[in-house]
Protein backbone atom coordinates (compact mmCIF):
# COMPACT_ATOMS: atom_id res chain seq x y z
CA MET A 1 -0.01 0.01 -0.02
CA ALA A 2 1.44 3.36 -1.01
CA ASP A 3 2.05 5.83 1.77
CA ARG A 4 0.08 9.07 1.79
CA ARG A 5 2.76 11.39 0.41
CA GLU A 6 3.69 9.07 -2.45
CA PHE A 7 0.04 8.55 -3.32
CA LEU A 8 -0.69 12.23 -3.37
CA LYS A 9 2.47 12.98 -5.41
CA HIS A 10 1.24 10.80 -8.16
CA GLY A 11 -2.49 11.38 -7.49
CA ALA A 12 -3.53 12.24 -11.01
CA ALA A 13 -1.60 9.37 -12.50
CA ALA A 14 -2.97 6.97 -9.91
CA ALA A 15 -6.50 7.99 -10.68
CA ALA A 16 -5.88 7.37 -14.38
CA VAL A 17 -4.42 3.93 -13.72
CA LEU A 18 -7.49 3.08 -11.65
CA ALA A 19 -9.74 3.92 -14.58
CA VAL A 20 -10.99 1.33 -17.04
CA HIS A 21 -12.30 2.92 -20.17
CA THR A 22 -15.46 1.71 -21.81
CA LYS A 23 -17.49 2.30 -24.90
CA ARG A 24 -20.62 1.70 -22.99
CA GLY A 25 -22.62 4.66 -21.75
CA PRO A 26 -22.38 6.66 -18.61
CA LEU A 27 -22.36 6.49 -15.01
CA TRP A 28 -22.41 4.17 -12.04
CA GLU A 29 -19.67 2.01 -13.52
CA SER A 30 -16.80 2.39 -11.02
CA PRO A 31 -14.77 -0.49 -9.60
CA VAL A 32 -16.23 0.34 -6.23
CA PHE A 33 -19.77 -0.44 -7.27
CA GLY A 34 -19.02 -3.03 -9.93
CA MET A 35 -18.64 -0.22 -12.48
CA VAL A 36 -15.89 1.27 -14.58
CA ARG A 37 -14.76 4.87 -15.15
CA GLU A 38 -15.84 6.91 -18.09
CA ASP A 39 -13.96 10.02 -19.27
CA ALA A 40 -15.50 12.82 -21.20
CA SER A 41 -13.61 14.00 -24.29
CA GLY A 42 -11.95 17.39 -24.15
CA ALA A 43 -13.98 18.63 -27.06
CA ALA A 44 -17.26 17.69 -25.41
CA ALA A 45 -16.16 19.43 -22.16
CA ASP A 46 -15.47 22.59 -24.12
CA VAL A 47 -18.98 22.53 -25.56
CA ILE A 48 -20.49 22.38 -22.02
CA GLY A 49 -18.67 25.61 -21.21
CA ASP A 50 -19.89 27.40 -24.39
CA PRO A 51 -23.54 28.60 -24.01
CA PRO A 52 -23.97 29.51 -27.74
CA ALA A 53 -22.77 26.09 -28.71
CA ILE A 54 -25.14 24.43 -26.33
CA LYS A 55 -28.01 26.52 -27.66
CA GLU A 56 -27.10 25.44 -31.23
CA LEU A 57 -27.19 21.79 -30.28
CA LEU A 58 -30.54 22.08 -28.40
CA THR A 59 -32.10 23.90 -31.36
CA ALA A 60 -30.77 21.41 -33.86
CA ALA A 61 -32.20 18.49 -31.96
CA LEU A 62 -35.64 20.09 -31.54
CA ASN A 63 -35.84 21.18 -35.17
CA ALA A 64 -34.90 17.68 -36.35
CA ALA A 65 -37.52 16.10 -34.16
CA ASN A 66 -40.18 18.51 -35.46
CA MET A 67 -39.19 17.88 -39.10
CA ALA A 68 -39.39 14.12 -38.48
CA GLY A 69 -42.92 14.37 -37.23
CA ALA A 70 -42.79 14.69 -33.41
CA GLN A 71 -45.80 16.37 -31.78
CA TYR A 72 -43.55 17.18 -28.79
CA ALA A 73 -39.87 16.80 -28.09
CA ASP A 74 -37.36 17.75 -25.47
CA VAL A 75 -33.57 17.52 -25.38
CA ARG A 76 -30.96 17.35 -22.60
CA VAL A 77 -27.28 18.15 -23.04
CA GLN A 78 -25.61 17.22 -19.82
CA ARG A 79 -22.24 16.76 -18.12
CA LEU A 80 -22.18 14.56 -14.99
CA GLN A 81 -19.10 14.19 -12.81
CA ARG A 82 -18.57 11.93 -9.86
CA ASN A 83 -15.59 11.89 -7.50
CA PHE A 84 -15.15 9.22 -4.79
CA VAL A 85 -12.29 9.07 -2.29
CA PHE A 86 -11.85 6.10 0.06
CA THR A 87 -9.46 5.55 3.02
CA ARG A 88 -8.84 3.00 5.74
CA GLU A 89 -6.98 3.89 8.92
CA GLN A 90 -3.91 5.80 7.53
CA GLN A 91 -4.06 4.40 3.98
CA ILE A 92 -5.69 5.80 0.86
CA LEU A 93 -7.51 2.93 -0.72
CA ASN A 94 -8.97 4.37 -3.91
CA VAL A 95 -9.80 7.44 -5.85
CA VAL A 96 -12.51 7.18 -8.48
CA ASP A 97 -13.46 9.87 -11.08
CA LEU A 98 -16.39 9.53 -13.46
CA ASP A 99 -17.03 12.15 -16.16
CA THR A 100 -19.58 11.74 -18.91
CA ILE A 101 -21.08 14.21 -21.42
CA GLY A 102 -23.69 13.75 -24.08
CA CYS A 103 -27.16 14.46 -25.45
CA GLY A 104 -30.46 12.70 -25.00
CA VAL A 105 -33.59 13.40 -27.04
CA ARG A 106 -37.14 12.35 -26.27
CA ALA A 107 -39.94 12.54 -28.84
CA LEU A 108 -43.71 12.04 -28.68
CA VAL A 109 -45.35 10.68 -31.78
CA ASP A 110 -49.02 9.61 -31.88
CA GLY A 111 -49.12 9.41 -28.10
CA THR A 112 -46.01 7.19 -27.91
CA TRP A 113 -42.54 8.02 -26.53
CA GLY A 114 -39.24 7.48 -28.29
CA PHE A 115 -35.74 8.16 -27.01
CA ALA A 116 -32.29 8.23 -28.34
CA ALA A 117 -28.93 9.53 -27.12
CA THR A 118 -25.44 10.33 -28.37
CA ARG A 119 -22.11 11.16 -26.85
CA SER A 120 -21.07 13.03 -29.99
CA LEU A 121 -21.86 16.75 -29.48
CA THR A 122 -22.16 17.95 -33.08
CA VAL A 123 -25.18 19.43 -34.82
CA ASP A 124 -25.37 16.39 -37.15
CA ALA A 125 -25.11 13.86 -34.30
CA VAL A 126 -27.82 15.41 -32.12
CA ALA A 127 -30.11 15.85 -35.15
CA SER A 128 -29.60 12.20 -36.00
CA ALA A 129 -30.45 11.18 -32.45
CA ALA A 130 -33.66 13.25 -32.64
CA ARG A 131 -34.71 11.47 -35.85
CA HIS A 132 -33.89 8.13 -34.14
CA ALA A 133 -36.06 9.03 -31.23
CA VAL A 134 -38.98 9.77 -33.57
CA ALA A 135 -38.42 6.51 -35.42
CA THR A 136 -38.35 4.65 -32.09
CA ALA A 137 -41.65 6.21 -31.11
CA ARG A 138 -43.25 5.10 -34.32
CA GLY A 139 -41.85 1.61 -33.92
CA SER A 140 -43.15 1.41 -30.40
CA ARG A 141 -46.73 2.44 -31.29
CA VAL A 142 -47.84 -1.11 -31.71
CA ALA A 143 -47.11 -1.81 -28.00
CA ARG A 144 -48.83 1.29 -26.62
CA ASP A 145 -51.65 0.71 -24.18
CA ALA A 146 -53.01 4.26 -23.80
CA ALA A 147 -51.89 7.46 -25.53
CA VAL A 148 -49.59 9.71 -23.57
CA ASP A 149 -51.44 12.88 -22.56
CA LEU A 150 -49.19 15.55 -21.09
CA ALA A 151 -50.52 17.87 -18.43
CA PRO A 152 -49.91 21.54 -19.32
CA THR A 153 -46.91 23.48 -18.05
CA PRO A 154 -45.79 27.01 -18.74
CA ALA A 155 -42.72 27.58 -20.87
CA TYR A 156 -39.54 28.79 -19.09
CA PRO A 157 -37.28 30.39 -21.68
CA ASP A 158 -33.65 31.18 -20.83
CA VAL A 159 -33.73 30.37 -17.06
CA THR A 160 -30.86 29.34 -14.84
CA TRP A 161 -30.73 27.68 -11.42
CA GLN A 162 -27.98 26.51 -9.08
CA SER A 163 -28.14 24.38 -5.91
CA SER A 164 -27.10 25.77 -2.53
CA PHE A 165 -23.32 25.21 -2.60
CA THR A 166 -20.61 27.75 -2.03
CA THR A 167 -17.46 25.69 -2.68
CA ASP A 168 -17.32 23.40 -5.72
CA PRO A 169 -15.75 20.09 -4.66
CA TRP A 170 -13.92 20.01 -7.96
CA SER A 171 -12.00 23.14 -6.86
CA VAL A 172 -10.64 21.24 -3.82
CA THR A 173 -7.44 19.29 -4.09
CA LEU A 174 -7.11 15.57 -3.46
CA GLU A 175 -4.70 16.37 -0.60
CA GLN A 176 -7.37 18.45 1.14
CA LYS A 177 -9.89 15.65 0.82
CA THR A 178 -7.65 12.94 2.07
CA ASP A 179 -6.35 15.16 4.90
CA VAL A 180 -9.91 15.42 6.29
CA LEU A 181 -10.48 11.69 6.13
CA LEU A 182 -7.14 10.57 7.53
CA LYS A 183 -7.42 13.01 10.43
CA ALA A 184 -10.87 11.65 11.16
CA ASN A 185 -9.60 8.07 11.03
CA ALA A 186 -6.79 8.92 13.48
CA ALA A 187 -9.30 10.52 15.88
CA ALA A 188 -11.62 7.51 15.79
CA LEU A 189 -8.68 5.18 16.54
CA LYS A 190 -8.18 6.97 19.89
CA ALA A 191 -11.41 5.57 21.14
CA PRO A 192 -11.15 2.39 23.31
CA ASN A 193 -11.23 -0.96 21.46
CA VAL A 194 -11.54 0.68 17.97
CA LYS A 195 -9.49 -1.39 15.63
CA PHE A 196 -10.76 -0.60 12.12
CA VAL A 197 -11.90 2.62 10.47
CA THR A 198 -12.93 3.33 6.93
CA SER A 199 -14.03 6.65 5.51
CA GLY A 200 -14.97 8.19 2.25
CA LEU A 201 -16.18 11.22 0.35
CA PHE A 202 -18.80 10.99 -2.45
CA PHE A 203 -19.26 14.09 -4.65
CA ALA A 204 -21.57 14.58 -7.57
CA LYS A 205 -21.88 17.49 -10.02
CA GLU A 206 -24.47 17.87 -12.78
CA GLU A 207 -24.47 20.53 -15.47
CA ARG A 208 -27.85 20.18 -17.05
CA ASN A 209 -29.09 21.96 -20.20
CA TYR A 210 -32.74 21.36 -21.22
CA ALA A 211 -34.96 22.65 -24.03
CA SER A 212 -38.39 21.66 -25.31
CA THR A 213 -40.60 22.45 -28.23
CA ILE A 214 -42.99 24.37 -26.02
CA GLY A 215 -40.25 27.06 -25.67
CA SER A 216 -38.47 26.14 -22.46
CA SER A 217 -34.69 26.58 -22.16
CA VAL A 218 -33.08 25.80 -18.77
CA HIS A 219 -29.56 25.64 -17.48
CA GLN A 220 -28.96 24.19 -13.97
CA THR A 221 -25.92 23.23 -11.91
CA LEU A 222 -26.37 20.75 -9.07
CA VAL A 223 -23.77 19.65 -6.51
CA ARG A 224 -24.13 16.94 -3.86
CA SER A 225 -21.75 15.77 -1.14
CA TYR A 226 -21.70 12.72 1.15
CA PRO A 227 -19.03 12.15 3.82
CA THR A 228 -18.98 8.58 5.26
CA MET A 229 -17.30 6.70 8.05
CA GLN A 230 -17.50 3.19 9.49
CA ILE A 231 -15.83 2.66 12.82
CA THR A 232 -15.45 -0.87 14.28
CA ALA A 233 -14.82 -1.70 17.88
CA VAL A 234 -13.68 -5.20 18.87
CA SER A 235 -14.17 -6.75 22.34
CA THR A 236 -11.01 -7.62 24.21
CA ASP A 237 -11.78 -11.30 24.03
CA ARG A 238 -12.55 -10.98 20.27
CA THR A 239 -16.01 -12.55 20.66
CA ASP A 240 -17.91 -9.43 19.51
CA PHE A 241 -17.57 -6.43 17.29
CA GLN A 242 -19.79 -3.39 16.89
CA ASN A 243 -19.94 -0.72 14.21
CA ARG A 244 -20.81 2.95 14.20
CA GLN A 245 -21.60 4.16 10.66
CA ASN A 246 -23.92 6.38 8.65
CA VAL A 247 -22.77 9.25 10.83
CA VAL A 248 -23.32 12.15 8.52
CA ALA A 249 -26.30 12.75 6.14
CA PRO A 250 -25.66 13.39 2.42
CA MET A 251 -26.62 16.86 1.33
CA GLY A 252 -27.16 18.93 -1.84
CA ARG A 253 -24.29 21.21 -0.93
CA GLY A 254 -20.56 21.47 -1.65
CA TRP A 255 -17.18 21.12 0.11
CA GLU A 256 -18.27 23.69 2.76
CA TYR A 257 -20.68 21.08 4.05
CA VAL A 258 -17.84 18.53 4.65
CA LEU A 259 -15.95 21.14 6.64
CA GLU A 260 -19.03 22.08 8.65
CA ARG A 261 -19.68 18.48 9.61
CA ASP A 262 -16.11 18.30 11.05
CA LEU A 263 -15.41 14.62 10.76
CA PRO A 264 -12.05 14.90 12.69
CA GLY A 265 -13.81 16.77 15.55
CA HIS A 266 -16.53 14.12 15.99
CA ALA A 267 -14.84 10.91 15.04
CA GLN A 268 -13.55 9.98 18.48
CA GLN A 269 -17.05 10.26 19.90
CA TRP A 270 -18.40 8.05 17.11
CA GLY A 271 -15.65 5.57 18.04
CA GLU A 272 -16.69 5.71 21.65
CA ASP A 273 -20.25 4.97 20.52
CA ALA A 274 -19.07 1.78 18.79
CA ASN A 275 -17.17 0.83 21.93
CA ALA A 276 -20.21 1.43 24.11
CA ARG A 277 -22.21 -0.92 21.95
CA LEU A 278 -19.91 -3.78 22.94
CA SER A 279 -21.12 -3.64 26.55
CA ALA A 280 -24.78 -2.71 25.73
CA LYS A 281 -27.54 -4.94 27.08
CA PRO A 282 -29.22 -7.10 24.41
CA VAL A 283 -32.80 -6.07 23.97
CA ASP A 284 -35.62 -8.13 25.34
CA VAL A 285 -38.24 -8.83 22.64
CA GLY A 286 -41.66 -7.29 23.09
CA ARG A 287 -43.68 -4.21 22.42
CA TYR A 288 -42.23 -0.81 23.31
CA ASP A 289 -42.95 2.85 22.72
CA LEU A 290 -40.32 4.04 20.26
CA VAL A 291 -38.75 7.49 20.08
CA LEU A 292 -37.24 7.71 16.71
CA HIS A 293 -34.68 10.39 15.80
CA PRO A 294 -34.87 12.01 12.36
CA SER A 295 -31.62 10.21 11.43
CA ASN A 296 -33.51 6.93 11.82
CA LEU A 297 -37.02 7.91 10.72
CA TRP A 298 -35.92 9.19 7.29
CA LEU A 299 -35.34 5.68 6.00
CA THR A 300 -38.74 4.46 7.26
CA ILE A 301 -40.31 7.50 5.51
CA HIS A 302 -38.47 6.68 2.30
CA GLU A 303 -39.47 3.00 2.20
CA SER A 304 -42.96 3.07 3.60
CA ILE A 305 -44.23 6.46 2.27
CA GLY A 306 -41.89 7.66 -0.42
CA HIS A 307 -41.91 4.62 -2.67
CA PRO A 308 -45.60 3.51 -2.29
CA THR A 309 -46.83 7.02 -3.25
CA GLU A 310 -45.00 7.02 -6.58
CA LEU A 311 -47.90 7.03 -9.01
CA ASP A 312 -46.26 4.81 -11.65
CA ARG A 313 -45.56 2.24 -8.94
CA ALA A 314 -49.08 2.43 -7.56
CA LYS A 315 -50.43 1.84 -11.15
CA GLY A 316 -48.22 -1.26 -11.53
CA TYR A 317 -45.61 0.11 -13.99
CA GLU A 318 -42.63 -0.71 -11.78
CA ALA A 319 -43.76 -4.16 -10.65
CA ASN A 320 -41.03 -6.14 -12.44
CA TYR A 321 -38.18 -4.54 -10.70
CA ALA A 322 -39.07 -2.11 -7.89
CA GLY A 323 -42.34 -3.69 -6.92
CA THR A 324 -45.88 -2.42 -6.49
CA SER A 325 -47.67 -0.47 -3.75
CA PHE A 326 -50.41 -1.09 -1.21
CA VAL A 327 -51.52 2.54 -1.81
CA THR A 328 -53.71 1.57 -4.74
CA PRO A 329 -55.98 1.94 -6.62
CA PRO A 330 -56.00 5.73 -6.49
CA GLU A 331 -59.83 5.77 -6.86
CA LYS A 332 -60.15 4.04 -3.49
CA THR A 333 -57.25 5.47 -1.61
CA LEU A 334 -57.14 9.23 -2.45
CA GLY A 335 -59.10 11.07 0.20
CA HIS A 336 -59.87 7.75 1.96
CA LEU A 337 -56.77 5.95 3.10
CA ARG A 338 -55.85 6.91 6.67
CA TYR A 339 -52.11 6.68 6.65
CA GLY A 340 -51.67 8.12 10.12
CA PRO A 341 -53.19 10.45 12.76
CA GLN A 342 -54.21 14.03 12.22
CA ILE A 343 -50.78 15.28 13.31
CA MET A 344 -49.23 13.58 10.33
CA ASN A 345 -48.48 15.71 7.26
CA ILE A 346 -46.07 14.53 4.50
CA GLN A 347 -44.79 17.03 1.95
CA GLY A 348 -43.23 16.35 -1.42
CA ASP A 349 -40.97 19.13 -2.77
CA ARG A 350 -37.83 20.00 -4.66
CA SER A 351 -37.37 23.28 -2.87
CA GLN A 352 -35.68 22.60 0.52
CA ALA A 353 -32.25 24.23 0.66
CA GLY A 354 -29.64 21.40 0.71
CA GLY A 355 -32.16 18.74 -0.32
CA LEU A 356 -30.67 16.01 -2.54
CA SER A 357 -33.73 16.18 -4.87
CA THR A 358 -33.89 19.95 -4.85
CA MET A 359 -33.72 21.50 -8.27
CA GLY A 360 -35.30 24.45 -10.07
CA TYR A 361 -36.82 22.51 -12.96
CA ASP A 362 -37.35 18.84 -13.56
CA ASP A 363 -36.66 16.85 -16.78
CA ASP A 364 -40.15 17.59 -18.10
CA GLY A 365 -39.30 21.28 -17.93
CA VAL A 366 -41.66 21.72 -14.99
CA ARG A 367 -41.05 24.08 -12.10
CA PRO A 368 -41.81 21.78 -9.13
CA ASP A 369 -44.27 22.80 -6.46
CA ASP A 370 -44.62 21.86 -2.79
CA PHE A 371 -47.53 19.46 -2.28
CA LEU A 372 -48.97 17.46 0.55
CA ILE A 373 -48.86 13.72 -0.15
CA ILE A 374 -50.54 13.10 3.19
CA LYS A 375 -52.72 15.83 4.77
CA ASP A 376 -53.92 15.52 8.36
CA GLY A 377 -53.22 11.72 8.18
CA ILE A 378 -55.21 11.12 4.95
CA LEU A 379 -53.69 10.31 1.57
CA ASN A 380 -54.01 13.53 -0.45
CA ASP A 381 -51.80 13.17 -3.55
CA TYR A 382 -49.18 11.10 -5.44
CA GLN A 383 -45.82 12.00 -6.90
CA THR A 384 -46.42 12.82 -10.56
CA THR A 385 -44.88 13.80 -13.86
CA ARG A 386 -46.55 15.59 -16.85
CA GLU A 387 -47.52 12.21 -18.25
CA GLN A 388 -48.95 10.95 -14.98
CA ALA A 389 -50.87 13.97 -13.70
CA ASN A 390 -53.81 13.38 -16.02
CA TRP A 391 -54.15 9.78 -14.64
CA ILE A 392 -55.70 11.38 -11.51
CA LYS A 393 -57.32 14.45 -13.13
CA TRP A 394 -60.65 13.27 -11.71
CA TRP A 395 -59.19 13.78 -8.21
CA TYR A 396 -57.87 17.24 -8.86
CA ASP A 397 -61.16 18.27 -10.44
CA LYS A 398 -63.07 16.96 -7.38
CA GLU A 399 -60.70 18.94 -5.09
CA GLY A 400 -60.87 22.10 -7.18
CA ARG A 401 -57.11 21.96 -7.88
CA PRO A 402 -55.39 22.39 -11.21
CA THR A 403 -54.13 19.29 -12.98
CA ARG A 404 -50.38 19.77 -13.02
CA SER A 405 -47.20 17.79 -12.65
CA HIS A 406 -45.51 18.10 -9.30
CA GLY A 407 -42.16 18.13 -11.05
CA CYS A 408 -41.04 14.65 -10.26
CA CYS A 409 -39.42 13.74 -13.66
CA TYR A 410 -35.71 12.98 -13.66
CA ALA A 411 -33.03 11.00 -15.56
CA GLN A 412 -29.68 10.26 -13.94
CA ASP A 413 -27.78 11.26 -17.07
CA TRP A 414 -28.05 12.19 -20.77
CA ALA A 415 -28.02 8.47 -21.90
CA ASN A 416 -31.14 7.50 -19.94
CA VAL A 417 -34.74 8.46 -20.52
CA GLN A 418 -36.37 10.51 -17.80
CA PHE A 419 -39.22 9.07 -15.76
CA GLN A 420 -40.91 9.57 -12.37
CA ARG A 421 -38.42 9.85 -9.53
CA MET A 422 -38.96 10.67 -5.85
CA PRO A 423 -38.65 14.30 -4.80
CA ASN A 424 -37.77 15.27 -1.19
CA VAL A 425 -40.50 13.59 0.95
CA SER A 426 -40.64 14.89 4.46
CA LEU A 427 -42.70 14.65 7.71
CA LEU A 428 -43.63 18.22 8.65
CA PRO A 429 -43.09 19.50 12.20
CA GLY A 430 -46.00 19.59 14.71
CA LYS A 431 -47.68 22.73 15.88
CA GLU A 432 -46.11 22.33 19.38
CA ASP A 433 -42.39 22.85 19.45
CA HIS A 434 -41.40 19.58 21.14
CA THR A 435 -37.84 18.42 21.16
CA TRP A 436 -36.10 15.05 21.27
CA GLU A 437 -35.77 15.51 24.98
CA ASP A 438 -39.42 16.23 25.43
CA LEU A 439 -40.48 13.01 23.66
CA ILE A 440 -38.14 10.96 25.85
CA ALA A 441 -39.46 12.65 28.94
CA ALA A 442 -42.98 11.75 27.87
CA THR A 443 -42.15 8.04 27.51
CA ASP A 444 -42.60 5.70 30.46
CA ARG A 445 -41.20 2.51 28.94
CA GLY A 446 -39.55 2.60 25.60
CA ILE A 447 -36.51 2.71 23.31
CA ALA A 448 -34.88 5.71 21.62
CA ILE A 449 -33.20 4.99 18.31
CA ILE A 450 -30.62 7.18 16.53
CA GLY A 451 -29.22 6.63 13.02
CA ASP A 452 -30.31 4.24 10.24
CA GLY A 453 -29.25 0.64 9.89
CA SER A 454 -30.34 -2.49 8.04
CA PHE A 455 -33.89 -2.90 6.79
CA SER A 456 -36.14 -5.23 4.88
CA ILE A 457 -39.50 -4.54 3.27
CA ASP A 458 -41.90 -6.35 0.97
CA GLN A 459 -42.68 -5.40 -2.61
CA GLN A 460 -45.91 -3.63 -1.70
CA ARG A 461 -44.20 -1.61 1.03
CA TYR A 462 -46.67 -2.94 3.63
CA ASN A 463 -44.60 -5.16 6.00
CA ALA A 464 -41.14 -4.08 7.07
CA GLN A 465 -38.33 -4.19 9.55
CA PHE A 466 -35.86 -1.48 10.44
CA SER A 467 -32.84 -1.26 12.70
CA GLY A 468 -30.59 1.68 13.62
CA GLN A 469 -27.16 2.76 14.98
CA LEU A 470 -27.66 3.64 18.68
CA PHE A 471 -30.38 2.29 20.99
CA TYR A 472 -31.25 3.59 24.42
CA GLU A 473 -33.57 2.15 26.99
CA ILE A 474 -36.13 4.63 28.40
CA LYS A 475 -37.73 4.18 31.85
CA GLY A 476 -39.85 6.77 33.59
CA GLY A 477 -38.99 9.45 31.06
CA LYS A 478 -35.24 8.97 31.31
CA ILE A 479 -32.56 7.16 29.37
CA VAL A 480 -31.20 4.48 31.70
CA GLY A 481 -28.70 2.61 29.49
CA MET A 482 -27.71 1.46 26.03
CA LEU A 483 -29.20 -1.51 24.18
CA LYS A 484 -28.09 -3.48 21.19
CA ASP A 485 -29.50 -5.94 18.63
CA VAL A 486 -32.63 -3.85 18.25
CA ALA A 487 -34.97 -3.91 15.18
CA TYR A 488 -38.59 -2.85 14.98
CA GLN A 489 -41.20 -4.45 12.78
CA ILE A 490 -44.04 -2.57 11.12
CA ARG A 491 -47.19 -2.94 9.09
CA THR A 492 -47.14 0.42 7.40
CA PRO A 493 -50.62 1.88 8.24
CA ASP A 494 -50.61 0.44 11.77
CA PHE A 495 -47.18 1.86 12.47
CA TRP A 496 -47.89 5.43 11.29
CA ASN A 497 -51.27 5.41 13.04
CA SER A 498 -49.40 4.66 16.29
CA MET A 499 -47.83 8.17 16.25
CA LYS A 500 -48.56 9.81 19.56
CA MET A 501 -46.24 12.81 19.69
CA ILE A 502 -44.00 14.63 17.20
CA GLY A 503 -41.31 17.23 17.33
CA GLY A 504 -41.55 20.89 16.37
CA LYS A 505 -39.60 23.12 14.02
CA ARG A 506 -36.49 23.25 16.18
CA SER A 507 -36.00 19.47 15.87
CA TYR A 508 -36.48 19.20 12.08
CA GLU A 509 -33.55 17.97 10.04
CA LEU A 510 -32.74 16.51 6.64
CA ASN A 511 -31.26 13.04 6.00
CA GLY A 512 -31.45 10.96 2.87
CA SER A 513 -30.08 8.56 0.29
CA PHE A 514 -27.30 9.32 -2.18
CA PHE A 515 -28.07 6.09 -4.16
CA ASP A 516 -31.74 5.33 -4.64
CA GLY A 517 -32.43 2.90 -7.48
CA LYS A 518 -35.38 2.45 -9.74
CA GLY A 519 -36.20 1.53 -13.31
CA GLN A 520 -35.03 -0.92 -16.00
CA PRO A 521 -32.28 -0.36 -16.91
CA PRO A 522 -31.64 0.86 -13.39
CA GLN A 523 -31.11 4.53 -12.66
CA ILE A 524 -29.84 6.25 -9.57
CA ASN A 525 -31.55 9.21 -7.86
CA ALA A 526 -30.55 11.16 -4.73
CA VAL A 527 -33.34 12.06 -2.32
CA SER A 528 -33.67 13.78 1.02
CA HIS A 529 -36.24 13.15 3.73
CA GLY A 530 -36.87 15.81 6.38
CA ALA A 531 -38.28 14.65 9.72
CA VAL A 532 -38.79 15.52 13.36
CA PRO A 533 -38.48 13.10 16.26
CA VAL A 534 -41.60 10.98 16.69
CA ARG A 535 -42.97 8.83 19.53
CA PHE A 536 -44.77 5.67 18.41
CA ALA A 537 -46.79 3.52 20.78
CA GLN A 538 -46.39 -0.22 21.29
CA VAL A 539 -44.23 -1.23 18.33
CA ASN A 540 -43.03 -4.81 18.05
CA VAL A 541 -39.25 -5.11 18.75
CA ILE A 542 -37.14 -8.17 17.98
CA ASN A 543 -33.61 -9.14 18.99
CA THR A 544 -31.41 -9.50 15.90
CA GLY A 545 -28.58 -11.11 17.79
CA ARG A 546 -30.49 -14.15 18.84
CA LYS A 547 -29.40 -17.45 17.41
CA ALA A 548 -31.72 -20.36 16.70
């Protein structure tokens, strides 16, 4: 293993050696995830930095689609960059760079979609891709079930948007990045019984250019950052080990976020958490009141609310890969399904500062709105695109609301067709400004859970099991000790209806997933979930450490 100075001295060369070039399309192909690196050509990168050249390409693609017979078309010219840095103790394990640039064209012909993409950013190449998209739509007409009917949206000509980052991670040196990680590793190793530490940084940057035949032209720049650590403590007799991981939430921000989270300043405490788990009492199975921290509850929201309220999933269009939903059919659930008590309000949005799904305009060219998926405990809406909004027009008409997309259309890159993806989905704070401490004080016998852990859920998102990172026994309104081997089991409507007390605005925070998969071929989306602490009554808890 190369020492730190030698690695950094040859950092650029090392990164190049790690890369395996491919003629296959973009993203999510690094050795770390069973993928390989892709490099964008210098000429293509030059085009991304030239607005007149971009406009020429967008115009050429739309004109070609129109001339070929498309009733509607949109085009995306995008650059997507990924940078991953991985360390273990005082060693640098890997540096991965992904960089891909190209153009994707979507065309609607006779109510049928067609799509084509090219990595060649020339006028002739994008025009050819547009004609191919139209031809694909015509060829797919025979398999169409119902004609695509797009909900209306205003045109947004010549608009720009940037996510809430102040320091671009690509302006930060490799030495600065590894310095943070190695200092954090060293700090964690100071904790008793900590023997192993891994850490990493994930960065993503998207430069997105979009135009459509209704007159929209949008340029957006999005940056996301995700610092990670896994700290392992081993018992002195080597009969047990415990981890502390998932210590920092991913966020739609830049390098400044990594510095604010101060991994070196917190790592020793995280190591002490891992050590404390070694001597924690195994949980007794049974029913407990649970006080769930936002860092735990976000994953339960994601799996049991976020996914089942995707309208394409509820209608059965994702059954083969992602599964279906118990929140169906819309005719029987909208306005009727009691998801939880009256204090439960779930919002979908792409507007929260720092949210992983936050963006100014989606890949339908829609400016997203904030909308209540669950209102006062009752199912109120689904996540929709322009294509999907008309599927529940009857509901919007009944409610006196306009039929519009909520801006949930997204493609991970230029080579993939856009489709419905989850926005930020969040549990809104309660009217009373309760804190984490208030919820614990109101609990006579229960368990407090911090951080997310392993989980399992069925294909309809109805039965599930979730664990966490840190577990504390509550008696008489006070924490009396640490537990381990805790997991709680839920039946989704029963679980959410057992909510008894929720936190207020002061206790609200964002967590989320940097890698949320959906679709065939699979695509990756990043999504945040805001939450407050919540107390649930009499939830079934099992001991995951028990052996048969």
